[in-house]
Amino acid sequence: MDIREIRGLSDEKLLDQLEDLKEALFNLRFQKAFGQLEDPNAIRRARKDVARVQTVLRERQAQKEGTNG
């Protein structure tokens, strides 16, 4: 998921996306534990997507509070 796509989403959609990404990451970790994971880089991509969404949410929260960091 590209950062431009993430920034274009509303807060509600970002929260939904975050929940979906965390669930996908959970499932990927289970697949890894059982030796069924075909693409080991999928976990890395999922973690980075979670971080991107959390970053955008935090930026928006800070902007609403009137602080920059």
N, C-alpha and C. Protein backbone atom coordinates (compact mmCIF):
# COMPACT_ATOMS: atom_id res chain seq x y z
N MET A 1 0.85 -1.17 0.00
CA MET A 1 0.00 0.00 0.00
C MET A 1 0.89 1.24 0.00
N ASP A 2 0.59 2.16 -0.87
CA ASP A 2 1.38 3.37 -1.04
C ASP A 2 0.94 4.44 -0.05
N ILE A 3 1.87 5.26 0.39
CA ILE A 3 1.56 6.30 1.38
C ILE A 3 0.54 7.29 0.83
N ARG A 4 0.58 7.55 -0.49
CA ARG A 4 -0.39 8.47 -1.08
C ARG A 4 -1.81 7.91 -0.97
N GLU A 5 -1.94 6.61 -1.14
CA GLU A 5 -3.25 5.97 -0.99
C GLU A 5 -3.74 6.09 0.45
N ILE A 6 -2.83 5.90 1.39
CA ILE A 6 -3.18 5.95 2.80
C ILE A 6 -3.62 7.35 3.19
N ARG A 7 -2.89 8.35 2.74
CA ARG A 7 -3.23 9.73 3.09
C ARG A 7 -4.56 10.16 2.48
N GLY A 8 -4.99 9.50 1.42
CA GLY A 8 -6.26 9.83 0.78
C GLY A 8 -7.48 9.26 1.48
N LEU A 9 -7.27 8.39 2.46
CA LEU A 9 -8.38 7.76 3.16
C LEU A 9 -8.84 8.60 4.35
N SER A 10 -10.10 8.44 4.70
CA SER A 10 -10.63 9.13 5.88
C SER A 10 -10.14 8.42 7.14
N ASP A 11 -10.34 9.06 8.28
CA ASP A 11 -9.91 8.48 9.55
C ASP A 11 -10.62 7.15 9.82
N GLU A 12 -11.91 7.10 9.52
CA GLU A 12 -12.67 5.87 9.75
C GLU A 12 -12.14 4.73 8.88
N LYS A 13 -11.88 5.04 7.62
CA LYS A 13 -11.36 4.01 6.72
C LYS A 13 -9.96 3.58 7.13
N LEU A 14 -9.18 4.53 7.65
CA LEU A 14 -7.84 4.19 8.12
C LEU A 14 -7.91 3.23 9.30
N LEU A 15 -8.83 3.47 10.21
CA LEU A 15 -8.98 2.58 11.36
C LEU A 15 -9.43 1.19 10.92
N ASP A 16 -10.34 1.14 9.94
CA ASP A 16 -10.76 -0.15 9.39
C ASP A 16 -9.59 -0.86 8.71
N GLN A 17 -8.82 -0.09 7.96
CA GLN A 17 -7.66 -0.64 7.26
C GLN A 17 -6.64 -1.17 8.26
N LEU A 18 -6.43 -0.43 9.33
CA LEU A 18 -5.48 -0.84 10.36
C LEU A 18 -5.91 -2.17 10.99
N GLU A 19 -7.18 -2.29 11.27
CA GLU A 19 -7.70 -3.53 11.85
C GLU A 19 -7.49 -4.70 10.88
N ASP A 20 -7.77 -4.47 9.60
CA ASP A 20 -7.59 -5.52 8.59
C ASP A 20 -6.12 -5.92 8.45
N LEU A 21 -5.25 -4.93 8.47
CA LEU A 21 -3.82 -5.21 8.33
C LEU A 21 -3.28 -5.99 9.52
N LYS A 22 -3.73 -5.64 10.71
CA LYS A 22 -3.28 -6.36 11.90
C LYS A 22 -3.76 -7.80 11.88
N GLU A 23 -4.98 -8.01 11.41
CA GLU A 23 -5.51 -9.37 11.29
C GLU A 23 -4.71 -10.17 10.25
N ALA A 24 -4.39 -9.53 9.13
CA ALA A 24 -3.60 -10.20 8.10
C ALA A 24 -2.22 -10.55 8.62
N LEU A 25 -1.61 -9.65 9.37
CA LEU A 25 -0.30 -9.91 9.95
C LEU A 25 -0.36 -11.08 10.93
N PHE A 26 -1.40 -11.13 11.73
CA PHE A 26 -1.61 -12.23 12.66
C PHE A 26 -1.68 -13.56 11.91
N ASN A 27 -2.45 -13.58 10.82
CA ASN A 27 -2.59 -14.80 10.02
C ASN A 27 -1.28 -15.19 9.36
N LEU A 28 -0.51 -14.21 8.90
CA LEU A 28 0.78 -14.51 8.29
C LEU A 28 1.74 -15.13 9.30
N ARG A 29 1.69 -14.64 10.53
CA ARG A 29 2.56 -15.20 11.56
C ARG A 29 2.17 -16.64 11.89
N PHE A 30 0.89 -16.93 11.86
CA PHE A 30 0.45 -18.31 12.06
C PHE A 30 0.93 -19.20 10.92
N GLN A 31 0.82 -18.70 9.70
CA GLN A 31 1.29 -19.48 8.55
C GLN A 31 2.78 -19.77 8.67
N LYS A 32 3.53 -18.78 9.15
CA LYS A 32 4.96 -18.98 9.32
C LYS A 32 5.24 -20.05 10.37
N ALA A 33 4.49 -20.00 11.46
CA ALA A 33 4.69 -20.96 12.54
C ALA A 33 4.41 -22.39 12.09
N PHE A 34 3.45 -22.56 11.20
CA PHE A 34 3.09 -23.89 10.73
C PHE A 34 3.82 -24.28 9.45
N GLY A 35 4.73 -23.42 8.99
CA GLY A 35 5.51 -23.74 7.80
C GLY A 35 4.74 -23.64 6.50
N GLN A 36 3.67 -22.89 6.50
CA GLN A 36 2.84 -22.76 5.30
C GLN A 36 3.03 -21.43 4.58
N LEU A 37 3.91 -20.60 5.06
CA LEU A 37 4.11 -19.28 4.48
C LEU A 37 4.93 -19.40 3.21
N GLU A 38 4.34 -18.99 2.08
CA GLU A 38 5.02 -19.09 0.80
C GLU A 38 5.93 -17.90 0.53
N ASP A 39 5.53 -16.72 1.00
CA ASP A 39 6.30 -15.50 0.75
C ASP A 39 6.74 -14.89 2.08
N PRO A 40 7.98 -15.14 2.49
CA PRO A 40 8.45 -14.62 3.78
C PRO A 40 8.44 -13.09 3.85
N ASN A 41 8.53 -12.43 2.71
CA ASN A 41 8.52 -10.97 2.70
C ASN A 41 7.14 -10.39 2.96
N ALA A 42 6.11 -11.21 2.92
CA ALA A 42 4.76 -10.74 3.16
C ALA A 42 4.61 -10.19 4.58
N ILE A 43 5.29 -10.81 5.54
CA ILE A 43 5.24 -10.33 6.93
C ILE A 43 5.86 -8.94 7.01
N ARG A 44 6.97 -8.78 6.36
CA ARG A 44 7.66 -7.48 6.38
C ARG A 44 6.79 -6.40 5.76
N ARG A 45 6.18 -6.70 4.61
CA ARG A 45 5.31 -5.73 3.95
C ARG A 45 4.11 -5.38 4.83
N ALA A 46 3.54 -6.38 5.48
CA ALA A 46 2.38 -6.14 6.34
C ALA A 46 2.75 -5.26 7.53
N ARG A 47 3.91 -5.53 8.13
CA ARG A 47 4.36 -4.70 9.27
C ARG A 47 4.55 -3.26 8.84
N LYS A 48 5.14 -3.06 7.67
CA LYS A 48 5.38 -1.70 7.19
C LYS A 48 4.07 -0.99 6.86
N ASP A 49 3.10 -1.72 6.32
CA ASP A 49 1.80 -1.12 6.05
C ASP A 49 1.11 -0.69 7.34
N VAL A 50 1.20 -1.52 8.36
CA VAL A 50 0.63 -1.17 9.67
C VAL A 50 1.30 0.11 10.18
N ALA A 51 2.60 0.18 10.07
CA ALA A 51 3.34 1.36 10.55
C ALA A 51 2.94 2.61 9.77
N ARG A 52 2.76 2.47 8.46
CA ARG A 52 2.36 3.63 7.65
C ARG A 52 1.00 4.16 8.09
N VAL A 53 0.05 3.27 8.27
CA VAL A 53 -1.29 3.69 8.68
C VAL A 53 -1.24 4.33 10.06
N GLN A 54 -0.51 3.74 10.99
CA GLN A 54 -0.40 4.30 12.34
C GLN A 54 0.26 5.68 12.30
N THR A 55 1.24 5.85 11.43
CA THR A 55 1.92 7.14 11.31
C THR A 55 0.97 8.22 10.83
N VAL A 56 0.19 7.92 9.80
CA VAL A 56 -0.76 8.90 9.27
C VAL A 56 -1.82 9.24 10.33
N LEU A 57 -2.30 8.23 11.03
CA LEU A 57 -3.28 8.49 12.09
C LEU A 57 -2.69 9.39 13.18
N ARG A 58 -1.46 9.13 13.55
CA ARG A 58 -0.79 9.93 14.58
C ARG A 58 -0.55 11.36 14.10
N GLU A 59 -0.17 11.51 12.83
CA GLU A 59 0.03 12.85 12.28
C GLU A 59 -1.27 13.65 12.34
N ARG A 60 -2.36 13.01 11.98
CA ARG A 60 -3.66 13.69 12.00
C ARG A 60 -4.08 14.04 13.42
N GLN A 61 -3.82 13.15 14.36
CA GLN A 61 -4.14 13.42 15.76
C GLN A 61 -3.32 14.61 16.27
N ALA A 62 -2.05 14.64 15.93
CA ALA A 62 -1.19 15.74 16.37
C ALA A 62 -1.63 17.06 15.74
N GLN A 63 -2.06 16.99 14.50
CA GLN A 63 -2.51 18.20 13.82
C GLN A 63 -3.79 18.74 14.48
N LYS A 64 -4.68 17.85 14.88
CA LYS A 64 -5.90 18.28 15.56
C LYS A 64 -5.60 18.91 16.91
N GLU A 65 -4.57 18.39 17.58
CA GLU A 65 -4.18 18.92 18.88
C GLU A 65 -3.39 20.21 18.75
N GLY A 66 -2.94 20.52 17.55
CA GLY A 66 -2.20 21.75 17.34
C GLY A 66 -0.72 21.63 17.63
N THR A 67 -0.21 20.40 17.64
CA THR A 67 1.21 20.20 17.87
C THR A 67 1.84 19.56 16.65
N ASN A 68 3.14 19.66 16.56
CA ASN A 68 3.88 19.05 15.46
C ASN A 68 4.90 18.08 16.00
N GLY A 69 4.48 17.03 16.59
CA GLY A 69 5.44 16.04 17.01
C GLY A 69 5.35 15.79 18.44
